[in-house]
Amino acid sequence: MVVSLDRSNRSLSESLELVRLSYFRTDSSGTVILVTPYRFAVLRAALNYPSSRTAGSRAVVLGGVSYLLLSLALLIGSYASSIQEIDTSTAVSELGSSGQLGVLVVLVLGQLLVYLLTRGYFVAVLGRLLAGESTPPAFSPAMFLDGAKVTLITLAYLLPGTVAIVVAVTLRSEQPASSVGAFTNAVGSMLVLCGLFWTLIAIYLLPAALALFAHTDSMNRAFAWRVLVKCVTTEDYAVGRIGGAFVRLCLFPVALVLQLLFVGFFLRFHVHVSGYYLYGRAIAVTLE
């Protein structure tokens, strides 16, 4: 009997899960072979990963509560900003305006903290997977700083495409019939295409860049192009990148609908972590 457990970097529980999901077939010589649908098992492991162990379950609860608070802050902020004072000349109305401004500032800061915390957690997931840890991390205050670093890395990757598109918009001529106007519009169109093309490339590269940062805790490592190219040009990374995006694309709309029942906030966080699990597993294989 030949057992096709073709990956060496997996835990015992994952190996047993692969055997359970396998099926038997017979080749031309009559040998019975255990065929393992590896990618299906990894997808199943990704969906089970966020809530595995006590730390994972607590993280899902805290992540769901964070998303709930973020949504409430957005609603309150939208409502507060839509209120218009009828008479701004009285002391009462001035006090009301300053009070609304204070509320908006607090809400914006709260949204920023939730964003940084969740981004820090996602990059911690990548770091643990690259370190060979099979359990999800627990929330910690250090994730606020990691989330800020991740945001800066993300902005750095998206900046060239954004600048190209902004320059293209400024070059747009309102007199396309003239030779100068036609030239500037043509240049602007090329810049838009280049900007969109680079944005797509950046989106594809970002999980690998963030994983390199998480693995070494160095922002410079996220721009190590030689290692980055070696990582993203492999089949494992392409499958993991597409698989993670597919999971988030399919389940995220369901989570948004279920937010009406409050369950969706926790499912939303769960889906994001599952996607990062697929990214991390794929990158861990490419960096071996």
Foldseek 3Di string as FASTA:
>chain_A
DEEPPPDDLDDPVLVVLQQVQWDWDADPVRDIYTDGPNVVSLLVLLLVAQCPDPQSVVQLVVQLVLLVLLVVLVVVLVVLVPDDDPDCPDPVNVVVVVVSVVSNVVSVVSNLQSQQQLQLQLLLLLQCLLVSHRHGHHGDPVSSVLSVLLVVLLCVQLVQLVVLQVCLVVLQDPCCVDPSNVVSNVSSVVSNVVSVVSNVVSLLQSLVLSSLCSNPVDNVSSVPVVLSVLQSPDPLQVCLQVSLVVQCVVCLVVLVVCVVVSVSSSVNSSSNNSSSNSNSNSSSVSVD
